[in-house]
């Protein structure tokens, strides 16, 4: 996702909780980026950078980025 707003990030987190329930955190410092649902064997890692950056070699305006990585755990 490019050029997201803080409200988009909040909506994403609320949607994940609505779908999977309240997550657990292996480490409280990872609360913003690494969510786990051990009983469902799912882990979601959120990669985001709130600072707008320009792509290398691009003339496009700087953008913020947000990526999710879903992982099934054993």
N, C-alpha and C. Protein backbone atom coordinates (compact mmCIF):
# COMPACT_ATOMS: atom_id res chain seq x y z
N UNK A 1 0.86 -1.16 0.00
CA UNK A 1 0.00 0.00 0.00
C UNK A 1 0.91 1.23 0.00
N UNK A 2 0.59 2.16 -0.82
CA UNK A 2 1.37 3.39 -0.90
C UNK A 2 0.52 4.57 -0.44
N UNK A 3 1.17 5.54 0.13
CA UNK A 3 0.52 6.78 0.58
C UNK A 3 -0.64 6.52 1.54
N UNK A 4 -0.42 5.60 2.46
CA UNK A 4 -1.45 5.34 3.47
C UNK A 4 -1.47 6.46 4.50
N UNK A 5 -2.59 6.55 5.19
CA UNK A 5 -2.75 7.52 6.28
C UNK A 5 -2.81 6.75 7.59
N UNK A 6 -2.59 7.42 8.70
CA UNK A 6 -2.67 6.75 10.01
C UNK A 6 -4.03 6.07 10.20
N UNK A 7 -5.08 6.68 9.66
CA UNK A 7 -6.42 6.09 9.77
C UNK A 7 -6.49 4.76 9.01
N UNK A 8 -5.74 4.65 7.90
CA UNK A 8 -5.70 3.38 7.15
C UNK A 8 -5.05 2.29 7.99
N UNK A 9 -3.98 2.63 8.67
CA UNK A 9 -3.27 1.67 9.52
C UNK A 9 -4.17 1.22 10.67
N UNK A 10 -4.90 2.14 11.25
CA UNK A 10 -5.84 1.81 12.33
C UNK A 10 -6.93 0.89 11.80
N UNK A 11 -7.47 1.19 10.64
CA UNK A 11 -8.52 0.36 10.04
C UNK A 11 -7.99 -1.05 9.75
N UNK A 12 -6.76 -1.14 9.27
CA UNK A 12 -6.15 -2.44 9.01
C UNK A 12 -6.04 -3.26 10.29
N UNK A 13 -5.53 -2.66 11.34
CA UNK A 13 -5.39 -3.36 12.62
C UNK A 13 -6.76 -3.80 13.16
N UNK A 14 -7.75 -2.93 13.07
CA UNK A 14 -9.10 -3.27 13.54
C UNK A 14 -9.68 -4.43 12.72
N UNK A 15 -9.41 -4.44 11.43
CA UNK A 15 -9.90 -5.52 10.57
C UNK A 15 -9.24 -6.85 10.91
N UNK A 16 -7.95 -6.82 11.19
CA UNK A 16 -7.24 -8.06 11.56
C UNK A 16 -7.79 -8.62 12.87
N UNK A 17 -8.05 -7.75 13.83
CA UNK A 17 -8.60 -8.19 15.11
C UNK A 17 -10.01 -8.74 14.91
N UNK A 18 -10.81 -8.08 14.07
CA UNK A 18 -12.16 -8.57 13.80
C UNK A 18 -12.13 -9.94 13.14
N UNK A 19 -11.16 -10.18 12.26
CA UNK A 19 -11.06 -11.45 11.54
C UNK A 19 -10.45 -12.57 12.39
N UNK A 20 -9.37 -12.29 13.10
CA UNK A 20 -8.61 -13.34 13.79
C UNK A 20 -8.71 -13.29 15.31
N UNK A 21 -9.26 -12.23 15.87
CA UNK A 21 -9.30 -12.07 17.32
C UNK A 21 -8.11 -11.29 17.82
N UNK A 22 -8.02 -11.14 19.12
CA UNK A 22 -6.93 -10.37 19.72
C UNK A 22 -5.60 -11.10 19.55
N UNK A 23 -4.58 -10.45 19.00
CA UNK A 23 -3.28 -11.11 18.81
C UNK A 23 -2.49 -11.19 20.11
N UNK A 24 -1.44 -11.99 20.08
CA UNK A 24 -0.48 -12.02 21.17
C UNK A 24 0.84 -11.49 20.64
N UNK A 25 1.71 -11.12 21.54
CA UNK A 25 2.99 -10.55 21.15
C UNK A 25 4.10 -11.28 21.89
N UNK A 26 5.06 -11.80 21.13
CA UNK A 26 6.20 -12.48 21.75
C UNK A 26 7.02 -11.49 22.58
N UNK A 27 7.01 -10.25 22.15
CA UNK A 27 7.79 -9.21 22.80
C UNK A 27 6.97 -7.92 22.71
N UNK A 28 6.73 -7.28 23.81
CA UNK A 28 5.90 -6.08 23.83
C UNK A 28 6.44 -4.99 22.90
N UNK A 29 7.74 -4.95 22.70
CA UNK A 29 8.30 -3.91 21.81
C UNK A 29 7.92 -4.15 20.35
N UNK A 30 7.44 -5.36 20.02
CA UNK A 30 7.03 -5.67 18.65
C UNK A 30 5.53 -5.47 18.43
N UNK A 31 4.84 -4.91 19.40
CA UNK A 31 3.38 -4.75 19.33
C UNK A 31 2.92 -4.07 18.04
N UNK A 32 3.67 -3.13 17.53
CA UNK A 32 3.26 -2.40 16.34
C UNK A 32 3.51 -3.16 15.05
N UNK A 33 4.42 -4.13 15.06
CA UNK A 33 4.83 -4.73 13.79
C UNK A 33 4.68 -6.24 13.69
N UNK A 34 4.60 -6.98 14.78
CA UNK A 34 4.60 -8.44 14.69
C UNK A 34 3.47 -9.01 15.54
N UNK A 35 2.41 -9.45 14.87
CA UNK A 35 1.24 -9.99 15.56
C UNK A 35 1.19 -11.49 15.34
N UNK A 36 0.77 -12.23 16.37
CA UNK A 36 0.69 -13.69 16.28
C UNK A 36 -0.63 -14.18 16.85
N UNK A 37 -1.12 -15.25 16.28
CA UNK A 37 -2.29 -15.96 16.78
C UNK A 37 -1.90 -17.42 16.88
N UNK A 38 -1.27 -17.82 18.01
CA UNK A 38 -0.75 -19.19 18.13
C UNK A 38 -1.79 -20.27 17.90
N UNK A 39 -3.02 -20.08 18.40
CA UNK A 39 -4.04 -21.11 18.25
C UNK A 39 -4.46 -21.28 16.79
N UNK A 40 -4.28 -20.25 15.98
CA UNK A 40 -4.62 -20.33 14.56
C UNK A 40 -3.37 -20.55 13.70
N UNK A 41 -2.22 -20.59 14.36
CA UNK A 41 -0.93 -20.80 13.69
C UNK A 41 -0.68 -19.77 12.59
N UNK A 42 -0.97 -18.53 12.91
CA UNK A 42 -0.79 -17.43 11.97
C UNK A 42 0.10 -16.36 12.59
N UNK A 43 0.98 -15.83 11.78
CA UNK A 43 1.80 -14.69 12.20
C UNK A 43 1.75 -13.66 11.08
N UNK A 44 1.53 -12.41 11.45
CA UNK A 44 1.50 -11.33 10.47
C UNK A 44 2.54 -10.29 10.88
N UNK A 45 3.40 -10.00 9.95
CA UNK A 45 4.44 -8.99 10.19
C UNK A 45 4.12 -7.78 9.33
N UNK A 46 4.08 -6.64 9.94
CA UNK A 46 3.75 -5.39 9.27
C UNK A 46 5.04 -4.60 9.07
N UNK A 47 5.34 -4.33 7.82
CA UNK A 47 6.50 -3.50 7.49
C UNK A 47 5.96 -2.15 7.02
N UNK A 48 6.31 -1.11 7.71
CA UNK A 48 5.84 0.20 7.26
C UNK A 48 6.89 1.25 7.58
N UNK A 49 6.82 2.30 6.82
CA UNK A 49 7.72 3.42 7.02
C UNK A 49 6.88 4.68 6.93
N UNK A 50 6.64 5.33 8.06
CA UNK A 50 5.78 6.52 8.04
C UNK A 50 6.40 7.74 7.36
N UNK A 51 7.68 7.65 7.03
CA UNK A 51 8.35 8.78 6.38
C UNK A 51 8.28 8.59 4.86
N UNK A 52 7.72 9.55 4.17
CA UNK A 52 7.60 9.46 2.71
C UNK A 52 8.98 9.47 2.07
N UNK A 53 9.18 8.54 1.12
CA UNK A 53 10.46 8.43 0.43
C UNK A 53 10.22 8.33 -1.07
N UNK A 54 11.18 8.81 -1.82
CA UNK A 54 11.13 8.73 -3.28
C UNK A 54 11.80 7.42 -3.72
N UNK A 55 11.19 6.76 -4.73
CA UNK A 55 11.81 5.55 -5.27
C UNK A 55 13.08 5.95 -6.02
N UNK A 56 14.09 5.10 -5.96
CA UNK A 56 15.34 5.39 -6.66
C UNK A 56 15.09 5.51 -8.15
N UNK A 57 15.61 6.52 -8.75
CA UNK A 57 15.49 6.73 -10.18
C UNK A 57 14.10 7.13 -10.64
N UNK A 58 13.25 7.56 -9.74
CA UNK A 58 11.88 7.91 -10.10
C UNK A 58 11.65 9.40 -9.93
N UNK A 59 10.79 9.93 -10.77
CA UNK A 59 10.40 11.34 -10.66
C UNK A 59 9.09 11.49 -9.91
N UNK A 60 8.51 10.35 -9.48
CA UNK A 60 7.24 10.42 -8.75
C UNK A 60 7.46 11.09 -7.40
N UNK A 61 6.41 11.71 -6.85
CA UNK A 61 6.53 12.33 -5.52
C UNK A 61 6.83 11.25 -4.47
N UNK A 62 7.45 11.62 -3.37
CA UNK A 62 7.73 10.65 -2.30
C UNK A 62 6.44 10.00 -1.79
N UNK A 63 6.53 8.73 -1.42
CA UNK A 63 5.38 8.01 -0.91
C UNK A 63 5.73 7.29 0.38
N UNK A 64 4.71 7.08 1.21
CA UNK A 64 4.85 6.21 2.37
C UNK A 64 4.51 4.79 1.91
N UNK A 65 5.04 3.78 2.60
CA UNK A 65 4.77 2.41 2.19
C UNK A 65 4.34 1.56 3.37
N UNK A 66 3.54 0.56 3.07
CA UNK A 66 3.03 -0.37 4.06
C UNK A 66 2.92 -1.74 3.40
N UNK A 67 3.56 -2.74 3.97
CA UNK A 67 3.50 -4.10 3.44
C UNK A 67 3.22 -5.08 4.56
N UNK A 68 2.45 -6.11 4.25
CA UNK A 68 2.16 -7.17 5.22
C UNK A 68 2.77 -8.46 4.74
N UNK A 69 3.30 -9.24 5.68
CA UNK A 69 3.80 -10.59 5.37
C UNK A 69 3.01 -11.55 6.27
N UNK A 70 2.26 -12.45 5.64
CA UNK A 70 1.50 -13.46 6.37
C UNK A 70 2.33 -14.74 6.39
N UNK A 71 2.39 -15.38 7.55
CA UNK A 71 3.19 -16.60 7.68
C UNK A 71 2.43 -17.62 8.52
N UNK A 72 2.38 -18.83 8.04
CA UNK A 72 1.76 -19.91 8.80
C UNK A 72 2.85 -20.52 9.69
N UNK A 73 2.56 -20.65 10.96
CA UNK A 73 3.53 -21.22 11.90
C UNK A 73 3.14 -22.65 12.21
N UNK A 74 4.07 -23.40 12.68
CA UNK A 74 3.82 -24.81 13.06
C UNK A 74 3.67 -24.93 14.53
